[in-house]
Amino acid sequence: VTEAFDQNPEVAARTLNLEVVRDRL
């Protein structure tokens, strides 16, 4: 919605955190 393209590093961080949670499960 905001088209905040400067937030691409945040995408990587959040995706990595999700993978960590998935691996823990």
PDB file of all heavy atoms in Angstrom:
ATOM      1  N   VAL A   1       0.829  -1.207   0.000  1.00  0.00           N
ATOM      2  CA  VAL A   1       0.000   0.000   0.000  1.00  0.00           C
ATOM      3  C   VAL A   1       0.861   1.254   0.000  1.00  0.00           C
ATOM      4  O   VAL A   1       0.632   2.209  -0.735  1.00  0.00           O
ATOM      5  CB  VAL A   1      -0.938   0.005   1.212  1.00  0.00           C
ATOM      6  CG1 VAL A   1      -1.663   1.325   1.347  1.00  0.00           C
ATOM      7  CG2 VAL A   1      -1.941  -1.138   1.074  1.00  0.00           C
ATOM      8  N   THR A   2       1.897   1.278   0.842  1.00  0.00           N
ATOM      9  CA  THR A   2       2.740   2.471   0.980  1.00  0.00           C
ATOM     10  C   THR A   2       3.810   2.565  -0.093  1.00  0.00           C
ATOM     11  O   THR A   2       4.408   3.629  -0.280  1.00  0.00           O
ATOM     12  CB  THR A   2       3.421   2.465   2.351  1.00  0.00           C
ATOM     13  OG1 THR A   2       4.208   1.265   2.467  1.00  0.00           O
ATOM     14  CG2 THR A   2       2.377   2.443   3.467  1.00  0.00           C
ATOM     15  N   GLU A   3       4.091   1.412  -0.769  1.00  0.00           N
ATOM     16  CA  GLU A   3       5.122   1.343  -1.799  1.00  0.00           C
ATOM     17  C   GLU A   3       6.455   1.862  -1.265  1.00  0.00           C
ATOM     18  O   GLU A   3       7.145   2.650  -1.904  1.00  0.00           O
ATOM     19  CB  GLU A   3       4.707   2.156  -3.036  1.00  0.00           C
ATOM     20  CG  GLU A   3       3.471   1.593  -3.720  1.00  0.00           C
ATOM     21  CD  GLU A   3       3.105   2.402  -4.972  1.00  0.00           C
ATOM     22  OE1 GLU A   3       3.788   3.410  -5.218  1.00  0.00           O
ATOM     23  OE2 GLU A   3       2.170   1.977  -5.654  1.00  0.00           O
ATOM     24  N   ALA A   4       6.784   1.406   0.001  1.00  0.00           N
ATOM     25  CA  ALA A   4       8.049   1.830   0.600  1.00  0.00           C
ATOM     26  C   ALA A   4       9.148   0.879   0.170  1.00  0.00           C
ATOM     27  O   ALA A   4       9.405  -0.125   0.822  1.00  0.00           O
ATOM     28  CB  ALA A   4       7.914   1.867   2.116  1.00  0.00           C
ATOM     29  N   PHE A   5       9.778   1.238  -1.010  1.00  0.00           N
ATOM     30  CA  PHE A   5      10.779   0.320  -1.556  1.00  0.00           C
ATOM     31  C   PHE A   5      12.083   0.344  -0.770  1.00  0.00           C
ATOM     32  O   PHE A   5      12.917  -0.533  -0.929  1.00  0.00           O
ATOM     33  CB  PHE A   5      11.072   0.686  -3.020  1.00  0.00           C
ATOM     34  CG  PHE A   5       9.880   0.471  -3.919  1.00  0.00           C
ATOM     35  CD1 PHE A   5       9.137   1.569  -4.351  1.00  0.00           C
ATOM     36  CD2 PHE A   5       9.513  -0.805  -4.309  1.00  0.00           C
ATOM     37  CE1 PHE A   5       8.041   1.388  -5.176  1.00  0.00           C
ATOM     38  CE2 PHE A   5       8.419  -0.969  -5.136  1.00  0.00           C
ATOM     39  CZ  PHE A   5       7.667   0.118  -5.568  1.00  0.00           C
ATOM     40  N   ASP A   6      12.232   1.356   0.065  1.00  0.00           N
ATOM     41  CA  ASP A   6      13.460   1.402   0.847  1.00  0.00           C
ATOM     42  C   ASP A   6      13.454   0.401   2.016  1.00  0.00           C
ATOM     43  O   ASP A   6      14.398   0.352   2.784  1.00  0.00           O
ATOM     44  CB  ASP A   6      13.674   2.816   1.403  1.00  0.00           C
ATOM     45  CG  ASP A   6      12.484   3.279   2.242  1.00  0.00           C
ATOM     46  OD1 ASP A   6      11.362   2.714   2.066  1.00  0.00           O
ATOM     47  OD2 ASP A   6      12.661   4.180   3.093  1.00  0.00           O
ATOM     48  N   GLN A   7      12.404  -0.374   2.148  1.00  0.00           N
ATOM     49  CA  GLN A   7      12.296  -1.331   3.246  1.00  0.00           C
ATOM     50  C   GLN A   7      12.691  -2.745   2.806  1.00  0.00           C
ATOM     51  O   GLN A   7      12.362  -3.728   3.458  1.00  0.00           O
ATOM     52  CB  GLN A   7      10.866  -1.359   3.788  1.00  0.00           C
ATOM     53  CG  GLN A   7      10.445  -0.037   4.409  1.00  0.00           C
ATOM     54  CD  GLN A   7       9.016  -0.087   4.958  1.00  0.00           C
ATOM     55  OE1 GLN A   7       8.366  -1.129   4.851  1.00  0.00           O
ATOM     56  NE2 GLN A   7       8.578   1.029   5.531  1.00  0.00           N
ATOM     57  N   ASN A   8      13.394  -2.959   1.730  1.00  0.00           N
ATOM     58  CA  ASN A   8      13.792  -4.298   1.261  1.00  0.00           C
ATOM     59  C   ASN A   8      14.652  -5.043   2.267  1.00  0.00           C
ATOM     60  O   ASN A   8      14.495  -6.257   2.445  1.00  0.00           O
ATOM     61  CB  ASN A   8      14.550  -4.173  -0.066  1.00  0.00           C
ATOM     62  CG  ASN A   8      13.574  -3.836  -1.209  1.00  0.00           C
ATOM     63  OD1 ASN A   8      12.381  -4.119  -1.099  1.00  0.00           O
ATOM     64  ND2 ASN A   8      14.095  -3.235  -2.266  1.00  0.00           N
ATOM     65  N   PRO A   9      15.593  -4.419   2.973  1.00  0.00           N
ATOM     66  CA  PRO A   9      16.330  -5.149   4.021  1.00  0.00           C
ATOM     67  C   PRO A   9      15.404  -5.695   5.119  1.00  0.00           C
ATOM     68  O   PRO A   9      15.636  -6.765   5.686  1.00  0.00           O
ATOM     69  CB  PRO A   9      17.291  -4.093   4.580  1.00  0.00           C
ATOM     70  CG  PRO A   9      17.467  -3.131   3.448  1.00  0.00           C
ATOM     71  CD  PRO A   9      16.140  -3.036   2.768  1.00  0.00           C
ATOM     72  N   GLU A  10      14.372  -4.969   5.417  1.00  0.00           N
ATOM     73  CA  GLU A  10      13.409  -5.447   6.432  1.00  0.00           C
ATOM     74  C   GLU A  10      12.717  -6.720   5.983  1.00  0.00           C
ATOM     75  O   GLU A  10      12.423  -7.619   6.783  1.00  0.00           O
ATOM     76  CB  GLU A  10      12.383  -4.348   6.696  1.00  0.00           C
ATOM     77  CG  GLU A  10      11.394  -4.700   7.789  1.00  0.00           C
ATOM     78  CD  GLU A  10      12.030  -4.751   9.171  1.00  0.00           C
ATOM     79  OE1 GLU A  10      13.132  -4.199   9.339  1.00  0.00           O
ATOM     80  OE2 GLU A  10      11.426  -5.399  10.072  1.00  0.00           O
ATOM     81  N   VAL A  11      12.477  -6.810   4.642  1.00  0.00           N
ATOM     82  CA  VAL A  11      11.840  -8.023   4.104  1.00  0.00           C
ATOM     83  C   VAL A  11      12.731  -9.238   4.349  1.00  0.00           C
ATOM     84  O   VAL A  11      12.263 -10.307   4.778  1.00  0.00           O
ATOM     85  CB  VAL A  11      11.557  -7.851   2.598  1.00  0.00           C
ATOM     86  CG1 VAL A  11      11.081  -9.169   2.000  1.00  0.00           C
ATOM     87  CG2 VAL A  11      10.554  -6.745   2.367  1.00  0.00           C
ATOM     88  N   ALA A  12      13.985  -9.049   4.102  1.00  0.00           N
ATOM     89  CA  ALA A  12      14.918 -10.161   4.304  1.00  0.00           C
ATOM     90  C   ALA A  12      14.979 -10.578   5.760  1.00  0.00           C
ATOM     91  O   ALA A  12      15.000 -11.766   6.100  1.00  0.00           O
ATOM     92  CB  ALA A  12      16.300  -9.769   3.792  1.00  0.00           C
ATOM     93  N   ALA A  13      14.990  -9.590   6.654  1.00  0.00           N
ATOM     94  CA  ALA A  13      15.078  -9.904   8.084  1.00  0.00           C
ATOM     95  C   ALA A  13      13.832 -10.643   8.569  1.00  0.00           C
ATOM     96  O   ALA A  13      13.907 -11.622   9.326  1.00  0.00           O
ATOM     97  CB  ALA A  13      15.283  -8.607   8.878  1.00  0.00           C
ATOM     98  N   ARG A  14      12.690 -10.110   8.153  1.00  0.00           N
ATOM     99  CA  ARG A  14      11.441 -10.756   8.588  1.00  0.00           C
ATOM    100  C   ARG A  14      11.316 -12.184   8.005  1.00  0.00           C
ATOM    101  O   ARG A  14      10.841 -13.111   8.678  1.00  0.00           O
ATOM    102  CB  ARG A  14      10.237  -9.927   8.162  1.00  0.00           C
ATOM    103  CG  ARG A  14      10.113  -8.632   8.974  1.00  0.00           C
ATOM    104  CD  ARG A  14       8.937  -7.799   8.489  1.00  0.00           C
ATOM    105  NE  ARG A  14       8.779  -6.595   9.281  1.00  0.00           N
ATOM    106  CZ  ARG A  14       8.091  -6.493  10.423  1.00  0.00           C
ATOM    107  NH1 ARG A  14       7.486  -7.601  10.906  1.00  0.00           N
ATOM    108  NH2 ARG A  14       8.031  -5.363  11.081  1.00  0.00           N
ATOM    109  N   THR A  15      11.741 -12.367   6.783  1.00  0.00           N
ATOM    110  CA  THR A  15      11.684 -13.710   6.174  1.00  0.00           C
ATOM    111  C   THR A  15      12.615 -14.671   6.906  1.00  0.00           C
ATOM    112  O   THR A  15      12.275 -15.840   7.152  1.00  0.00           O
ATOM    113  CB  THR A  15      12.072 -13.621   4.691  1.00  0.00           C
ATOM    114  OG1 THR A  15      11.179 -12.708   4.018  1.00  0.00           O
ATOM    115  CG2 THR A  15      11.981 -14.978   4.029  1.00  0.00           C
ATOM    116  N   LEU A  16      13.822 -14.155   7.283  1.00  0.00           N
ATOM    117  CA  LEU A  16      14.759 -14.990   8.025  1.00  0.00           C
ATOM    118  C   LEU A  16      14.186 -15.391   9.382  1.00  0.00           C
ATOM    119  O   LEU A  16      14.317 -16.547   9.818  1.00  0.00           O
ATOM    120  CB  LEU A  16      16.076 -14.230   8.213  1.00  0.00           C
ATOM    121  CG  LEU A  16      17.160 -14.986   8.996  1.00  0.00           C
ATOM    122  CD1 LEU A  16      17.554 -16.256   8.254  1.00  0.00           C
ATOM    123  CD2 LEU A  16      18.395 -14.084   9.194  1.00  0.00           C
ATOM    124  N   ASN A  17      13.527 -14.460  10.047  1.00  0.00           N
ATOM    125  CA  ASN A  17      12.920 -14.777  11.356  1.00  0.00           C
ATOM    126  C   ASN A  17      11.836 -15.854  11.210  1.00  0.00           C
ATOM    127  O   ASN A  17      11.718 -16.760  12.055  1.00  0.00           O
ATOM    128  CB  ASN A  17      12.329 -13.504  11.965  1.00  0.00           C
ATOM    129  CG  ASN A  17      11.695 -13.781  13.315  1.00  0.00           C
ATOM    130  OD1 ASN A  17      12.370 -14.165  14.262  1.00  0.00           O
ATOM    131  ND2 ASN A  17      10.375 -13.594  13.405  1.00  0.00           N
ATOM    132  N   LEU A  18      11.065 -15.767  10.123  1.00  0.00           N
ATOM    133  CA  LEU A  18      10.020 -16.781   9.900  1.00  0.00           C
ATOM    134  C   LEU A  18      10.643 -18.154   9.668  1.00  0.00           C
ATOM    135  O   LEU A  18      10.128 -19.175  10.152  1.00  0.00           O
ATOM    136  CB  LEU A  18       9.162 -16.362   8.690  1.00  0.00           C
ATOM    137  CG  LEU A  18       8.003 -17.309   8.344  1.00  0.00           C
ATOM    138  CD1 LEU A  18       7.009 -17.383   9.504  1.00  0.00           C
ATOM    139  CD2 LEU A  18       7.304 -16.843   7.066  1.00  0.00           C
ATOM    140  N   GLU A  19      11.758 -18.173   8.960  1.00  0.00           N
ATOM    141  CA  GLU A  19      12.412 -19.449   8.729  1.00  0.00           C
ATOM    142  C   GLU A  19      12.940 -20.048  10.036  1.00  0.00           C
ATOM    143  O   GLU A  19      12.897 -21.272  10.248  1.00  0.00           O
ATOM    144  CB  GLU A  19      13.557 -19.272   7.726  1.00  0.00           C
ATOM    145  CG  GLU A  19      13.103 -18.958   6.308  1.00  0.00           C
ATOM    146  CD  GLU A  19      12.273 -20.088   5.722  1.00  0.00           C
ATOM    147  OE1 GLU A  19      12.544 -21.275   6.054  1.00  0.00           O
ATOM    148  OE2 GLU A  19      11.341 -19.800   4.951  1.00  0.00           O
ATOM    149  N   VAL A  20      13.447 -19.175  10.902  1.00  0.00           N
ATOM    150  CA  VAL A  20      13.945 -19.650  12.201  1.00  0.00           C
ATOM    151  C   VAL A  20      12.816 -20.288  13.006  1.00  0.00           C
ATOM    152  O   VAL A  20      12.959 -21.364  13.593  1.00  0.00           O
ATOM    153  CB  VAL A  20      14.586 -18.486  12.981  1.00  0.00           C
ATOM    154  CG1 VAL A  20      14.908 -18.927  14.417  1.00  0.00           C
ATOM    155  CG2 VAL A  20      15.861 -18.032  12.281  1.00  0.00           C
ATOM    156  N   VAL A  21      11.650 -19.629  13.002  1.00  0.00           N
ATOM    157  CA  VAL A  21      10.501 -20.170  13.734  1.00  0.00           C
ATOM    158  C   VAL A  21      10.051 -21.498  13.121  1.00  0.00           C
ATOM    159  O   VAL A  21       9.723 -22.462  13.832  1.00  0.00           O
ATOM    160  CB  VAL A  21       9.348 -19.151  13.754  1.00  0.00           C
ATOM    161  CG1 VAL A  21       8.091 -19.766  14.388  1.00  0.00           C
ATOM    162  CG2 VAL A  21       9.761 -17.894  14.500  1.00  0.00           C
ATOM    163  N   ARG A  22      10.077 -21.566  11.798  1.00  0.00           N
ATOM    164  CA  ARG A  22       9.652 -22.796  11.124  1.00  0.00           C
ATOM    165  C   ARG A  22      10.622 -23.939  11.434  1.00  0.00           C
ATOM    166  O   ARG A  22      10.216 -25.086  11.659  1.00  0.00           O
ATOM    167  CB  ARG A  22       9.563 -22.547   9.620  1.00  0.00           C
ATOM    168  CG  ARG A  22       9.011 -23.749   8.852  1.00  0.00           C
ATOM    169  CD  ARG A  22       8.878 -23.450   7.370  1.00  0.00           C
ATOM    170  NE  ARG A  22       7.763 -22.542   7.097  1.00  0.00           N
ATOM    171  CZ  ARG A  22       7.898 -21.302   6.647  1.00  0.00           C
ATOM    172  NH1 ARG A  22       9.129 -20.803   6.421  1.00  0.00           N
ATOM    173  NH2 ARG A  22       6.853 -20.541   6.428  1.00  0.00           N
ATOM    174  N   ASP A  23      11.927 -23.645  11.456  1.00  0.00           N
ATOM    175  CA  ASP A  23      12.910 -24.671  11.786  1.00  0.00           C
ATOM    176  C   ASP A  23      12.746 -25.163  13.233  1.00  0.00           C
ATOM    177  O   ASP A  23      12.903 -26.357  13.519  1.00  0.00           O
ATOM    178  CB  ASP A  23      14.328 -24.115  11.586  1.00  0.00           C
ATOM    179  CG  ASP A  23      14.653 -23.897  10.116  1.00  0.00           C
ATOM    180  OD1 ASP A  23      13.937 -24.495   9.273  1.00  0.00           O
ATOM    181  OD2 ASP A  23      15.582 -23.138   9.823  1.00  0.00           O
ATOM    182  N   ARG A  24      12.421 -24.212  14.139  1.00  0.00           N
ATOM    183  CA  ARG A  24      12.220 -24.604  15.535  1.00  0.00           C
ATOM    184  C   ARG A  24      11.043 -25.581  15.658  1.00  0.00           C
ATOM    185  O   ARG A  24      11.117 -26.573  16.382  1.00  0.00           O
ATOM    186  CB  ARG A  24      11.976 -23.363  16.381  1.00  0.00           C
ATOM    187  CG  ARG A  24      11.925 -23.695  17.879  1.00  0.00           C
ATOM    188  CD  ARG A  24      11.570 -22.462  18.701  1.00  0.00           C
ATOM    189  NE  ARG A  24      12.492 -21.370  18.416  1.00  0.00           N
ATOM    190  CZ  ARG A  24      12.125 -20.149  18.015  1.00  0.00           C
ATOM    191  NH1 ARG A  24      10.840 -19.878  17.848  1.00  0.00           N
ATOM    192  NH2 ARG A  24      13.022 -19.214  17.808  1.00  0.00           N
ATOM    193  N   LEU A  25       9.964 -25.276  14.926  1.00  0.00           N
ATOM    194  CA  LEU A  25       8.800 -26.176  14.952  1.00  0.00           C
ATOM    195  C   LEU A  25       9.153 -27.553  14.386  1.00  0.00           C
ATOM    196  O   LEU A  25       8.760 -28.584  14.935  1.00  0.00           O
ATOM    197  CB  LEU A  25       7.642 -25.561  14.149  1.00  0.00           C
ATOM    198  CG  LEU A  25       6.413 -26.470  13.963  1.00  0.00           C
ATOM    199  CD1 LEU A  25       5.800 -26.862  15.299  1.00  0.00           C
ATOM    200  CD2 LEU A  25       5.379 -25.778  13.067  1.00  0.00           C
TER     201      LEU A  25
END
